[in-house]
Amino acid sequence: MSEKAIVKEIRIPVADWKALEARSADTHVPTEELIREALRRFLAEQDRITRARRALRKSSGIWRDRDDLQQTSVELVNSLREEWDERAQ
């Protein structure tokens, strides 16, 4: 590992550690690298969720001042959801 690192002691349940060791043996990837990769993926997913939530909050109320809609924005969104649910079945 070329970048600076912090050494941190963590507690991992025995069953999880055994599964991690088995994965390490199967893939020939050290357990430490599997943990680092899992952490990177977790942090990336959390960043994606945070960005999505920000965009959702930012978009809230964007149709508020429209006068060309026959329904309120809540009614319109609900009807779109119903349509999507029907398509999914």
C-alpha atoms as a PDB file:
ATOM      1  CA  MET A   1       0.000   0.000   0.000  1.00  0.00           C
ATOM      2  CA  SER A   2       1.630   3.241  -1.118  1.00  0.00           C
ATOM      3  CA  GLU A   3      -0.434   5.883   0.652  1.00  0.00           C
ATOM      4  CA  LYS A   4      -0.288   6.713   4.339  1.00  0.00           C
ATOM      5  CA  ALA A   5      -2.462   4.522   6.510  1.00  0.00           C
ATOM      6  CA  ILE A   6      -3.880   4.451   9.993  1.00  0.00           C
ATOM      7  CA  VAL A   7      -3.756   1.259  11.990  1.00  0.00           C
ATOM      8  CA  LYS A   8      -7.033   0.730  13.844  1.00  0.00           C
ATOM      9  CA  GLU A   9      -8.124  -2.211  15.954  1.00  0.00           C
ATOM     10  CA  ILE A  10     -11.701  -3.288  15.272  1.00  0.00           C
ATOM     11  CA  ARG A  11     -13.893  -6.096  16.543  1.00  0.00           C
ATOM     12  CA  ILE A  12     -15.264  -8.456  13.906  1.00  0.00           C
ATOM     13  CA  PRO A  13     -17.696 -11.253  14.775  1.00  0.00           C
ATOM     14  CA  VAL A  14     -16.067 -14.688  14.465  1.00  0.00           C
ATOM     15  CA  ALA A  15     -18.498 -15.832  11.773  1.00  0.00           C
ATOM     16  CA  ASP A  16     -17.742 -12.739   9.670  1.00  0.00           C
ATOM     17  CA  TRP A  17     -13.985 -13.229  10.121  1.00  0.00           C
ATOM     18  CA  LYS A  18     -14.231 -16.861   9.051  1.00  0.00           C
ATOM     19  CA  ALA A  19     -16.237 -15.851   5.970  1.00  0.00           C
ATOM     20  CA  LEU A  20     -13.645 -13.181   5.194  1.00  0.00           C
ATOM     21  CA  GLU A  21     -10.795 -15.669   5.545  1.00  0.00           C
ATOM     22  CA  ALA A  22     -12.620 -18.122   3.271  1.00  0.00           C
ATOM     23  CA  ARG A  23     -13.119 -15.399   0.667  1.00  0.00           C
ATOM     24  CA  SER A  24      -9.469 -14.462   0.969  1.00  0.00           C
ATOM     25  CA  ALA A  25      -8.423 -18.069   0.395  1.00  0.00           C
ATOM     26  CA  ASP A  26     -10.780 -18.453  -2.576  1.00  0.00           C
ATOM     27  CA  THR A  27      -9.688 -15.231  -4.266  1.00  0.00           C
ATOM     28  CA  HIS A  28      -6.031 -15.154  -3.152  1.00  0.00           C
ATOM     29  CA  VAL A  29      -6.615 -11.582  -1.948  1.00  0.00           C
ATOM     30  CA  PRO A  30      -5.367 -10.715   1.548  1.00  0.00           C
ATOM     31  CA  THR A  31      -8.065 -10.143   4.169  1.00  0.00           C
ATOM     32  CA  GLU A  32      -6.755  -6.615   4.745  1.00  0.00           C
ATOM     33  CA  GLU A  33      -7.304  -5.780   1.068  1.00  0.00           C
ATOM     34  CA  LEU A  34     -10.808  -7.258   1.141  1.00  0.00           C
ATOM     35  CA  ILE A  35     -11.619  -5.061   4.141  1.00  0.00           C
ATOM     36  CA  ARG A  36     -10.194  -1.957   2.447  1.00  0.00           C
ATOM     37  CA  GLU A  37     -12.193  -2.693  -0.720  1.00  0.00           C
ATOM     38  CA  ALA A  38     -15.374  -3.211   1.304  1.00  0.00           C
ATOM     39  CA  LEU A  39     -14.786   0.100   3.077  1.00  0.00           C
ATOM     40  CA  ARG A  40     -14.198   1.927  -0.226  1.00  0.00           C
ATOM     41  CA  ARG A  41     -17.388   0.466  -1.684  1.00  0.00           C
ATOM     42  CA  PHE A  42     -19.370   1.363   1.438  1.00  0.00           C
ATOM     43  CA  LEU A  43     -18.105   4.955   1.402  1.00  0.00           C
ATOM     44  CA  ALA A  44     -18.806   5.303  -2.340  1.00  0.00           C
ATOM     45  CA  GLU A  45     -22.362   4.021  -1.836  1.00  0.00           C
ATOM     46  CA  GLN A  46     -22.913   6.411   1.057  1.00  0.00           C
ATOM     47  CA  ASP A  47     -21.667   9.293  -1.131  1.00  0.00           C
ATOM     48  CA  ARG A  48     -24.070   8.236  -3.898  1.00  0.00           C
ATOM     49  CA  ILE A  49     -26.974   8.128  -1.437  1.00  0.00           C
ATOM     50  CA  THR A  50     -26.041  11.538  -0.021  1.00  0.00           C
ATOM     51  CA  ARG A  51     -25.910  13.086  -3.516  1.00  0.00           C
ATOM     52  CA  ALA A  52     -29.267  11.538  -4.417  1.00  0.00           C
ATOM     53  CA  ARG A  53     -30.875  12.857  -1.233  1.00  0.00           C
ATOM     54  CA  ARG A  54     -29.470  16.340  -1.861  1.00  0.00           C
ATOM     55  CA  ALA A  55     -30.831  16.309  -5.414  1.00  0.00           C
ATOM     56  CA  LEU A  56     -34.206  15.124  -4.167  1.00  0.00           C
ATOM     57  CA  ARG A  57     -34.363  17.857  -1.527  1.00  0.00           C
ATOM     58  CA  LYS A  58     -33.258  20.441  -4.093  1.00  0.00           C
ATOM     59  CA  SER A  59     -35.984  19.350  -6.509  1.00  0.00           C
ATOM     60  CA  SER A  60     -38.714  19.458  -3.881  1.00  0.00           C
ATOM     61  CA  GLY A  61     -41.340  22.002  -4.863  1.00  0.00           C
ATOM     62  CA  ILE A  62     -40.043  22.722  -8.368  1.00  0.00           C
ATOM     63  CA  TRP A  63     -43.582  22.467  -9.749  1.00  0.00           C
ATOM     64  CA  ARG A  64     -45.036  24.630  -7.001  1.00  0.00           C
ATOM     65  CA  ASP A  65     -45.668  27.714  -9.160  1.00  0.00           C
ATOM     66  CA  ARG A  66     -46.799  25.969 -12.336  1.00  0.00           C
ATOM     67  CA  ASP A  67     -50.312  26.886 -13.405  1.00  0.00           C
ATOM     68  CA  ASP A  68     -50.527  24.557 -16.406  1.00  0.00           C
ATOM     69  CA  LEU A  69     -51.005  21.362 -14.401  1.00  0.00           C
ATOM     70  CA  GLN A  70     -54.488  19.960 -13.839  1.00  0.00           C
ATOM     71  CA  GLN A  71     -53.396  18.174 -10.653  1.00  0.00           C
ATOM     72  CA  THR A  72     -51.390  19.165  -7.631  1.00  0.00           C
ATOM     73  CA  SER A  73     -47.810  17.946  -7.758  1.00  0.00           C
ATOM     74  CA  VAL A  74     -48.610  15.325  -5.102  1.00  0.00           C
ATOM     75  CA  GLU A  75     -51.536  14.011  -7.145  1.00  0.00           C
ATOM     76  CA  LEU A  76     -49.417  13.993 -10.301  1.00  0.00           C
ATOM     77  CA  VAL A  77     -46.554  12.111  -8.651  1.00  0.00           C
ATOM     78  CA  ASN A  78     -48.973   9.611  -7.124  1.00  0.00           C
ATOM     79  CA  SER A  79     -50.599   8.977 -10.517  1.00  0.00           C
ATOM     80  CA  LEU A  80     -47.162   8.464 -12.087  1.00  0.00           C
ATOM     81  CA  ARG A  81     -46.281   6.000  -9.323  1.00  0.00           C
ATOM     82  CA  GLU A  82     -49.508   4.099  -9.917  1.00  0.00           C
ATOM     83  CA  GLU A  83     -48.707   3.941 -13.623  1.00  0.00           C
ATOM     84  CA  TRP A  84     -45.178   2.673 -12.908  1.00  0.00           C
ATOM     85  CA  ASP A  85     -46.544   0.064 -10.483  1.00  0.00           C
ATOM     86  CA  GLU A  86     -49.012  -1.160 -13.115  1.00  0.00           C
ATOM     87  CA  ARG A  87     -46.216  -1.467 -15.678  1.00  0.00           C
ATOM     88  CA  ALA A  88     -44.062  -3.413 -13.203  1.00  0.00           C
ATOM     89  CA  GLN A  89     -46.717  -6.106 -12.736  1.00  0.00           C
END
